[in-house]
Amino acid sequence: MFTRLYFGLTVSLIATLYLFFIFSESYIRKYDVEMFLRDGRYFLEQYIEQKGSDNSLYKELETTQKETFYIIAVSMGWFIAL
């Protein structure tokens, strides 16, 4: 009797965790993409506002074609949009 009860609890717990990971994975990936695009848009707006000024935060990007931020590393180069 207890064996069947413990087996049922174990199977239901595993099924619950499995379904949680399956359904939450798409939401997490969608949120990550949205956050990445939002951050990229912010850095692009900052770059456009400060481009050409003497105390620009993006001097390294303009001279070496690379810039390292605390959350991402940006490199300017060829971009092909499909």
PDB file of N, CA and C in Angstrom:
ATOM      1  N   MET A   1       0.811  -1.180   0.000  1.00  0.00           N
ATOM      2  CA  MET A   1       0.000   0.000   0.000  1.00  0.00           C
ATOM      3  C   MET A   1       0.867   1.262   0.000  1.00  0.00           C
ATOM      4  N   PHE A   2       1.848   1.324   0.901  1.00  0.00           N
ATOM      5  CA  PHE A   2       2.716   2.500   0.951  1.00  0.00           C
ATOM      6  C   PHE A   2       3.610   2.571  -0.275  1.00  0.00           C
ATOM      7  N   THR A   3       3.986   1.427  -0.801  1.00  0.00           N
ATOM      8  CA  THR A   3       4.831   1.416  -1.993  1.00  0.00           C
ATOM      9  C   THR A   3       4.103   2.062  -3.159  1.00  0.00           C
ATOM     10  N   ARG A   4       2.863   1.714  -3.337  1.00  0.00           N
ATOM     11  CA  ARG A   4       2.068   2.295  -4.422  1.00  0.00           C
ATOM     12  C   ARG A   4       1.864   3.795  -4.196  1.00  0.00           C
ATOM     13  N   LEU A   5       1.673   4.208  -2.972  1.00  0.00           N
ATOM     14  CA  LEU A   5       1.496   5.624  -2.647  1.00  0.00           C
ATOM     15  C   LEU A   5       2.781   6.404  -2.933  1.00  0.00           C
ATOM     16  N   TYR A   6       3.910   5.901  -2.464  1.00  0.00           N
ATOM     17  CA  TYR A   6       5.193   6.570  -2.714  1.00  0.00           C
ATOM     18  C   TYR A   6       5.532   6.582  -4.195  1.00  0.00           C
ATOM     19  N   PHE A   7       5.242   5.514  -4.892  1.00  0.00           N
ATOM     20  CA  PHE A   7       5.490   5.465  -6.325  1.00  0.00           C
ATOM     21  C   PHE A   7       4.635   6.514  -7.051  1.00  0.00           C
ATOM     22  N   GLY A   8       3.381   6.631  -6.681  1.00  0.00           N
ATOM     23  CA  GLY A   8       2.495   7.624  -7.285  1.00  0.00           C
ATOM     24  C   GLY A   8       2.952   9.046  -6.997  1.00  0.00           C
ATOM     25  N   LEU A   9       3.378   9.293  -5.771  1.00  0.00           N
ATOM     26  CA  LEU A   9       3.891  10.626  -5.426  1.00  0.00           C
ATOM     27  C   LEU A   9       5.164  10.958  -6.201  1.00  0.00           C
ATOM     28  N   THR A  10       6.054   9.990  -6.322  1.00  0.00           N
ATOM     29  CA  THR A  10       7.301  10.210  -7.045  1.00  0.00           C
ATOM     30  C   THR A  10       7.034  10.474  -8.521  1.00  0.00           C
ATOM     31  N   VAL A  11       6.179   9.687  -9.123  1.00  0.00           N
ATOM     32  CA  VAL A  11       5.856   9.887 -10.538  1.00  0.00           C
ATOM     33  C   VAL A  11       5.175  11.229 -10.753  1.00  0.00           C
ATOM     34  N   SER A  12       4.274  11.608  -9.885  1.00  0.00           N
ATOM     35  CA  SER A  12       3.593  12.894 -10.054  1.00  0.00           C
ATOM     36  C   SER A  12       4.547  14.064  -9.840  1.00  0.00           C
ATOM     37  N   LEU A  13       5.470  13.944  -8.912  1.00  0.00           N
ATOM     38  CA  LEU A  13       6.462  15.000  -8.694  1.00  0.00           C
ATOM     39  C   LEU A  13       7.369  15.147  -9.910  1.00  0.00           C
ATOM     40  N   ILE A  14       7.828  14.050 -10.444  1.00  0.00           N
ATOM     41  CA  ILE A  14       8.685  14.098 -11.637  1.00  0.00           C
ATOM     42  C   ILE A  14       7.916  14.676 -12.816  1.00  0.00           C
ATOM     43  N   ALA A  15       6.668  14.260 -12.997  1.00  0.00           N
ATOM     44  CA  ALA A  15       5.854  14.783 -14.098  1.00  0.00           C
ATOM     45  C   ALA A  15       5.616  16.277 -13.943  1.00  0.00           C
ATOM     46  N   THR A  16       5.368  16.725 -12.727  1.00  0.00           N
ATOM     47  CA  THR A  16       5.148  18.149 -12.478  1.00  0.00           C
ATOM     48  C   THR A  16       6.391  18.964 -12.809  1.00  0.00           C
ATOM     49  N   LEU A  17       7.546  18.519 -12.353  1.00  0.00           N
ATOM     50  CA  LEU A  17       8.798  19.225 -12.655  1.00  0.00           C
ATOM     51  C   LEU A  17       9.086  19.229 -14.152  1.00  0.00           C
ATOM     52  N   TYR A  18       8.872  18.100 -14.803  1.00  0.00           N
ATOM     53  CA  TYR A  18       9.106  18.004 -16.237  1.00  0.00           C
ATOM     54  C   TYR A  18       8.208  18.979 -17.003  1.00  0.00           C
ATOM     55  N   LEU A  19       6.935  19.020 -16.672  1.00  0.00           N
ATOM     56  CA  LEU A  19       6.017  19.936 -17.344  1.00  0.00           C
ATOM     57  C   LEU A  19       6.350  21.395 -17.047  1.00  0.00           C
ATOM     58  N   PHE A  20       6.780  21.669 -15.824  1.00  0.00           N
ATOM     59  CA  PHE A  20       7.186  23.034 -15.477  1.00  0.00           C
ATOM     60  C   PHE A  20       8.347  23.484 -16.342  1.00  0.00           C
ATOM     61  N   PHE A  21       9.361  22.646 -16.490  1.00  0.00           N
ATOM     62  CA  PHE A  21      10.514  23.024 -17.304  1.00  0.00           C
ATOM     63  C   PHE A  21      10.155  23.136 -18.780  1.00  0.00           C
ATOM     64  N   ILE A  22       9.296  22.289 -19.266  1.00  0.00           N
ATOM     65  CA  ILE A  22       8.887  22.352 -20.668  1.00  0.00           C
ATOM     66  C   ILE A  22       8.132  23.647 -20.956  1.00  0.00           C
ATOM     67  N   PHE A  23       7.167  23.997 -20.122  1.00  0.00           N
ATOM     68  CA  PHE A  23       6.360  25.182 -20.373  1.00  0.00           C
ATOM     69  C   PHE A  23       7.080  26.486 -20.032  1.00  0.00           C
ATOM     70  N   SER A  24       7.970  26.467 -19.078  1.00  0.00           N
ATOM     71  CA  SER A  24       8.656  27.704 -18.695  1.00  0.00           C
ATOM     72  C   SER A  24       9.844  28.013 -19.596  1.00  0.00           C
ATOM     73  N   GLU A  25      10.365  27.034 -20.305  1.00  0.00           N
ATOM     74  CA  GLU A  25      11.535  27.264 -21.148  1.00  0.00           C
ATOM     75  C   GLU A  25      11.245  28.276 -22.249  1.00  0.00           C
ATOM     76  N   SER A  26      10.115  28.165 -22.904  1.00  0.00           N
ATOM     77  CA  SER A  26       9.793  29.103 -23.978  1.00  0.00           C
ATOM     78  C   SER A  26       9.596  30.519 -23.426  1.00  0.00           C
ATOM     79  N   TYR A  27       8.989  30.637 -22.251  1.00  0.00           N
ATOM     80  CA  TYR A  27       8.793  31.953 -21.644  1.00  0.00           C
ATOM     81  C   TYR A  27      10.134  32.578 -21.276  1.00  0.00           C
ATOM     82  N   ILE A  28      11.042  31.788 -20.719  1.00  0.00           N
ATOM     83  CA  ILE A  28      12.352  32.303 -20.319  1.00  0.00           C
ATOM     84  C   ILE A  28      13.144  32.746 -21.541  1.00  0.00           C
ATOM     85  N   ARG A  29      13.128  31.956 -22.593  1.00  0.00           N
ATOM     86  CA  ARG A  29      13.850  32.343 -23.810  1.00  0.00           C
ATOM     87  C   ARG A  29      13.259  33.602 -24.424  1.00  0.00           C
ATOM     88  N   LYS A  30      11.944  33.719 -24.440  1.00  0.00           N
ATOM     89  CA  LYS A  30      11.307  34.910 -24.985  1.00  0.00           C
ATOM     90  C   LYS A  30      11.703  36.132 -24.171  1.00  0.00           C
ATOM     91  N   TYR A  31      11.738  36.010 -22.866  1.00  0.00           N
ATOM     92  CA  TYR A  31      12.134  37.128 -22.011  1.00  0.00           C
ATOM     93  C   TYR A  31      13.595  37.497 -22.234  1.00  0.00           C
ATOM     94  N   ASP A  32      14.466  36.500 -22.406  1.00  0.00           N
ATOM     95  CA  ASP A  32      15.883  36.776 -22.653  1.00  0.00           C
ATOM     96  C   ASP A  32      16.082  37.536 -23.959  1.00  0.00           C
ATOM     97  N   VAL A  33      15.350  37.162 -24.993  1.00  0.00           N
ATOM     98  CA  VAL A  33      15.454  37.848 -26.272  1.00  0.00           C
ATOM     99  C   VAL A  33      14.969  39.286 -26.140  1.00  0.00           C
ATOM    100  N   GLU A  34      13.847  39.478 -25.465  1.00  0.00           N
ATOM    101  CA  GLU A  34      13.330  40.832 -25.273  1.00  0.00           C
ATOM    102  C   GLU A  34      14.312  41.695 -24.486  1.00  0.00           C
ATOM    103  N   MET A  35      14.921  41.138 -23.457  1.00  0.00           N
ATOM    104  CA  MET A  35      15.875  41.887 -22.650  1.00  0.00           C
ATOM    105  C   MET A  35      17.121  42.233 -23.475  1.00  0.00           C
ATOM    106  N   PHE A  36      17.607  41.293 -24.289  1.00  0.00           N
ATOM    107  CA  PHE A  36      18.772  41.545 -25.122  1.00  0.00           C
ATOM    108  C   PHE A  36      18.487  42.669 -26.121  1.00  0.00           C
ATOM    109  N   LEU A  37      17.325  42.627 -26.762  1.00  0.00           N
ATOM    110  CA  LEU A  37      16.975  43.667 -27.728  1.00  0.00           C
ATOM    111  C   LEU A  37      16.789  45.021 -27.060  1.00  0.00           C
ATOM    112  N   ARG A  38      16.196  45.029 -25.873  1.00  0.00           N
ATOM    113  CA  ARG A  38      16.023  46.288 -25.136  1.00  0.00           C
ATOM    114  C   ARG A  38      17.379  46.899 -24.760  1.00  0.00           C
ATOM    115  N   ASP A  39      18.300  46.060 -24.286  1.00  0.00           N
ATOM    116  CA  ASP A  39      19.634  46.556 -23.944  1.00  0.00           C
ATOM    117  C   ASP A  39      20.373  47.049 -25.182  1.00  0.00           C
ATOM    118  N   GLY A  40      20.244  46.321 -26.277  1.00  0.00           N
ATOM    119  CA  GLY A  40      20.895  46.739 -27.519  1.00  0.00           C
ATOM    120  C   GLY A  40      20.373  48.068 -28.017  1.00  0.00           C
ATOM    121  N   ARG A  41      19.062  48.251 -27.935  1.00  0.00           N
ATOM    122  CA  ARG A  41      18.455  49.521 -28.340  1.00  0.00           C
ATOM    123  C   ARG A  41      18.954  50.658 -27.442  1.00  0.00           C
ATOM    124  N   TYR A  42      19.092  50.412 -26.154  1.00  0.00           N
ATOM    125  CA  TYR A  42      19.580  51.436 -25.225  1.00  0.00           C
ATOM    126  C   TYR A  42      21.001  51.852 -25.583  1.00  0.00           C
ATOM    127  N   PHE A  43      21.884  50.860 -25.812  1.00  0.00           N
ATOM    128  CA  PHE A  43      23.269  51.187 -26.140  1.00  0.00           C
ATOM    129  C   PHE A  43      23.374  51.899 -27.483  1.00  0.00           C
ATOM    130  N   LEU A  44      22.536  51.534 -28.438  1.00  0.00           N
ATOM    131  CA  LEU A  44      22.545  52.210 -29.730  1.00  0.00           C
ATOM    132  C   LEU A  44      22.111  53.663 -29.580  1.00  0.00           C
ATOM    133  N   GLU A  45      21.085  53.904 -28.807  1.00  0.00           N
ATOM    134  CA  GLU A  45      20.638  55.280 -28.579  1.00  0.00           C
ATOM    135  C   GLU A  45      21.713  56.100 -27.870  1.00  0.00           C
ATOM    136  N   GLN A  46      22.388  55.504 -26.885  1.00  0.00           N
ATOM    137  CA  GLN A  46      23.475  56.202 -26.193  1.00  0.00           C
ATOM    138  C   GLN A  46      24.623  56.508 -27.151  1.00  0.00           C
ATOM    139  N   TYR A  47      24.940  55.567 -28.021  1.00  0.00           N
ATOM    140  CA  TYR A  47      26.022  55.758 -28.982  1.00  0.00           C
ATOM    141  C   TYR A  47      25.692  56.891 -29.939  1.00  0.00           C
ATOM    142  N   ILE A  48      24.451  56.919 -30.437  1.00  0.00           N
ATOM    143  CA  ILE A  48      24.043  57.961 -31.376  1.00  0.00           C
ATOM    144  C   ILE A  48      24.060  59.328 -30.701  1.00  0.00           C
ATOM    145  N   GLU A  49      23.617  59.402 -29.464  1.00  0.00           N
ATOM    146  CA  GLU A  49      23.609  60.682 -28.742  1.00  0.00           C
ATOM    147  C   GLU A  49      25.020  61.195 -28.472  1.00  0.00           C
ATOM    148  N   GLN A  50      25.961  60.309 -28.175  1.00  0.00           N
ATOM    149  CA  GLN A  50      27.296  60.738 -27.760  1.00  0.00           C
ATOM    150  C   GLN A  50      28.322  60.719 -28.889  1.00  0.00           C
ATOM    151  N   LYS A  51      27.937  60.267 -30.065  1.00  0.00           N
ATOM    152  CA  LYS A  51      28.892  60.165 -31.170  1.00  0.00           C
ATOM    153  C   LYS A  51      29.417  61.544 -31.544  1.00  0.00           C
ATOM    154  N   GLY A  52      30.719  61.640 -31.639  1.00  0.00           N
ATOM    155  CA  GLY A  52      31.360  62.888 -32.022  1.00  0.00           C
ATOM    156  C   GLY A  52      31.683  63.819 -30.873  1.00  0.00           C
ATOM    157  N   SER A  53      31.194  63.567 -29.680  1.00  0.00           N
ATOM    158  CA  SER A  53      31.525  64.442 -28.551  1.00  0.00           C
ATOM    159  C   SER A  53      32.900  64.067 -27.998  1.00  0.00           C
ATOM    160  N   ASP A  54      33.538  65.038 -27.366  1.00  0.00           N
ATOM    161  CA  ASP A  54      34.904  64.820 -26.866  1.00  0.00           C
ATOM    162  C   ASP A  54      34.968  63.834 -25.711  1.00  0.00           C
ATOM    163  N   ASN A  55      33.972  63.824 -24.856  1.00  0.00           N
ATOM    164  CA  ASN A  55      33.989  62.930 -23.698  1.00  0.00           C
ATOM    165  C   ASN A  55      33.027  61.756 -23.893  1.00  0.00           C
ATOM    166  N   SER A  56      32.989  61.221 -25.089  1.00  0.00           N
ATOM    167  CA  SER A  56      32.087  60.117 -25.406  1.00  0.00           C
ATOM    168  C   SER A  56      32.506  58.848 -24.673  1.00  0.00           C
ATOM    169  N   LEU A  57      31.521  58.108 -24.241  1.00  0.00           N
ATOM    170  CA  LEU A  57      31.791  56.822 -23.609  1.00  0.00           C
ATOM    171  C   LEU A  57      32.198  55.775 -24.639  1.00  0.00           C
ATOM    172  N   TYR A  58      32.039  56.098 -25.908  1.00  0.00           N
ATOM    173  CA  TYR A  58      32.269  55.137 -26.971  1.00  0.00           C
ATOM    174  C   TYR A  58      33.519  55.450 -27.792  1.00  0.00           C
ATOM    175  N   LYS A  59      34.490  56.137 -27.206  1.00  0.00           N
ATOM    176  CA  LYS A  59      35.746  56.432 -27.901  1.00  0.00           C
ATOM    177  C   LYS A  59      36.445  55.150 -28.314  1.00  0.00           C
ATOM    178  N   GLU A  60      36.467  54.169 -27.440  1.00  0.00           N
ATOM    179  CA  GLU A  60      37.111  52.889 -27.752  1.00  0.00           C
ATOM    180  C   GLU A  60      36.434  52.219 -28.948  1.00  0.00           C
ATOM    181  N   LEU A  61      35.123  52.304 -29.029  1.00  0.00           N
ATOM    182  CA  LEU A  61      34.391  51.706 -30.148  1.00  0.00           C
ATOM    183  C   LEU A  61      34.727  52.403 -31.462  1.00  0.00           C
ATOM    184  N   GLU A  62      34.879  53.718 -31.423  1.00  0.00           N
ATOM    185  CA  GLU A  62      35.183  54.454 -32.634  1.00  0.00           C
ATOM    186  C   GLU A  62      36.616  54.248 -33.101  1.00  0.00           C
ATOM    187  N   THR A  63      37.530  54.002 -32.175  1.00  0.00           N
ATOM    188  CA  THR A  63      38.937  53.859 -32.569  1.00  0.00           C
ATOM    189  C   THR A  63      39.341  52.415 -32.833  1.00  0.00           C
ATOM    190  N   THR A  64      38.887  51.478 -32.018  1.00  0.00           N
ATOM    191  CA  THR A  64      39.319  50.083 -32.157  1.00  0.00           C
ATOM    192  C   THR A  64      38.240  49.162 -32.715  1.00  0.00           C
ATOM    193  N   GLN A  65      37.048  49.687 -32.965  1.00  0.00           N
ATOM    194  CA  GLN A  65      35.907  48.917 -33.469  1.00  0.00           C
ATOM    195  C   GLN A  65      35.390  47.892 -32.459  1.00  0.00           C
ATOM    196  N   LYS A  66      35.779  48.009 -31.196  1.00  0.00           N
ATOM    197  CA  LYS A  66      35.294  47.112 -30.150  1.00  0.00           C
ATOM    198  C   LYS A  66      35.002  47.924 -28.903  1.00  0.00           C
ATOM    199  N   GLU A  67      34.037  47.478 -28.149  1.00  0.00           N
ATOM    200  CA  GLU A  67      33.678  48.130 -26.884  1.00  0.00           C
ATOM    201  C   GLU A  67      33.224  47.047 -25.910  1.00  0.00           C
ATOM    202  N   THR A  68      33.700  47.115 -24.699  1.00  0.00           N
ATOM    203  CA  THR A  68      33.309  46.145 -23.691  1.00  0.00           C
ATOM    204  C   THR A  68      32.464  46.844 -22.638  1.00  0.00           C
ATOM    205  N   PHE A  69      31.259  46.345 -22.464  1.00  0.00           N
ATOM    206  CA  PHE A  69      30.372  46.849 -21.430  1.00  0.00           C
ATOM    207  C   PHE A  69      30.379  45.850 -20.282  1.00  0.00           C
ATOM    208  N   TYR A  70      29.716  46.175 -19.210  1.00  0.00           N
ATOM    209  CA  TYR A  70      29.663  45.257 -18.079  1.00  0.00           C
ATOM    210  C   TYR A  70      28.787  44.042 -18.371  1.00  0.00           C
ATOM    211  N   ILE A  71      27.840  44.181 -19.293  1.00  0.00           N
ATOM    212  CA  ILE A  71      26.933  43.069 -19.540  1.00  0.00           C
ATOM    213  C   ILE A  71      27.145  42.404 -20.894  1.00  0.00           C
ATOM    214  N   ILE A  72      27.742  43.114 -21.880  1.00  0.00           N
ATOM    215  CA  ILE A  72      27.981  42.516 -23.190  1.00  0.00           C
ATOM    216  C   ILE A  72      29.262  43.079 -23.781  1.00  0.00           C
ATOM    217  N   ALA A  73      29.802  42.410 -24.784  1.00  0.00           N
ATOM    218  CA  ALA A  73      30.937  42.919 -25.558  1.00  0.00           C
ATOM    219  C   ALA A  73      30.425  43.208 -26.959  1.00  0.00           C
ATOM    220  N   VAL A  74      30.657  44.426 -27.427  1.00  0.00           N
ATOM    221  CA  VAL A  74      30.157  44.855 -28.727  1.00  0.00           C
ATOM    222  C   VAL A  74      31.330  44.962 -29.683  1.00  0.00           C
ATOM    223  N   SER A  75      31.140  44.447 -30.875  1.00  0.00           N
ATOM    224  CA  SER A  75      32.156  44.536 -31.912  1.00  0.00           C
ATOM    225  C   SER A  75      31.484  45.013 -33.182  1.00  0.00           C
ATOM    226  N   MET A  76      32.064  46.033 -33.821  1.00  0.00           N
ATOM    227  CA  MET A  76      31.484  46.537 -35.053  1.00  0.00           C
ATOM    228  C   MET A  76      32.104  45.768 -36.208  1.00  0.00           C
ATOM    229  N   GLY A  77      31.297  45.395 -37.144  1.00  0.00           N
ATOM    230  CA  GLY A  77      31.777  44.671 -38.309  1.00  0.00           C
ATOM    231  C   GLY A  77      30.650  44.527 -39.300  1.00  0.00           C
ATOM    232  N   TRP A  78      30.794  43.607 -40.194  1.00  0.00           N
ATOM    233  CA  TRP A  78      29.754  43.364 -41.193  1.00  0.00           C
ATOM    234  C   TRP A  78      28.602  42.638 -40.558  1.00  0.00           C
ATOM    235  N   PHE A  79      27.413  43.093 -40.879  1.00  0.00           N
ATOM    236  CA  PHE A  79      26.195  42.473 -40.369  1.00  0.00           C
ATOM    237  C   PHE A  79      25.300  42.143 -41.544  1.00  0.00           C
ATOM    238  N   ILE A  80      24.887  40.904 -41.626  1.00  0.00           N
ATOM    239  CA  ILE A  80      24.010  40.480 -42.715  1.00  0.00           C
ATOM    240  C   ILE A  80      22.654  40.153 -42.119  1.00  0.00           C
ATOM    241  N   ALA A  81      21.653  40.854 -42.556  1.00  0.00           N
ATOM    242  CA  ALA A  81      20.283  40.609 -42.059  1.00  0.00           C
ATOM    243  C   ALA A  81      19.557  39.725 -43.057  1.00  0.00           C
ATOM    244  N   LEU A  82      18.951  38.687 -42.553  1.00  0.00           N
ATOM    245  CA  LEU A  82      18.192  37.782 -43.428  1.00  0.00           C
ATOM    246  C   LEU A  82      16.743  38.144 -43.431  1.00  0.00           C
TER     247      LEU A  82
END
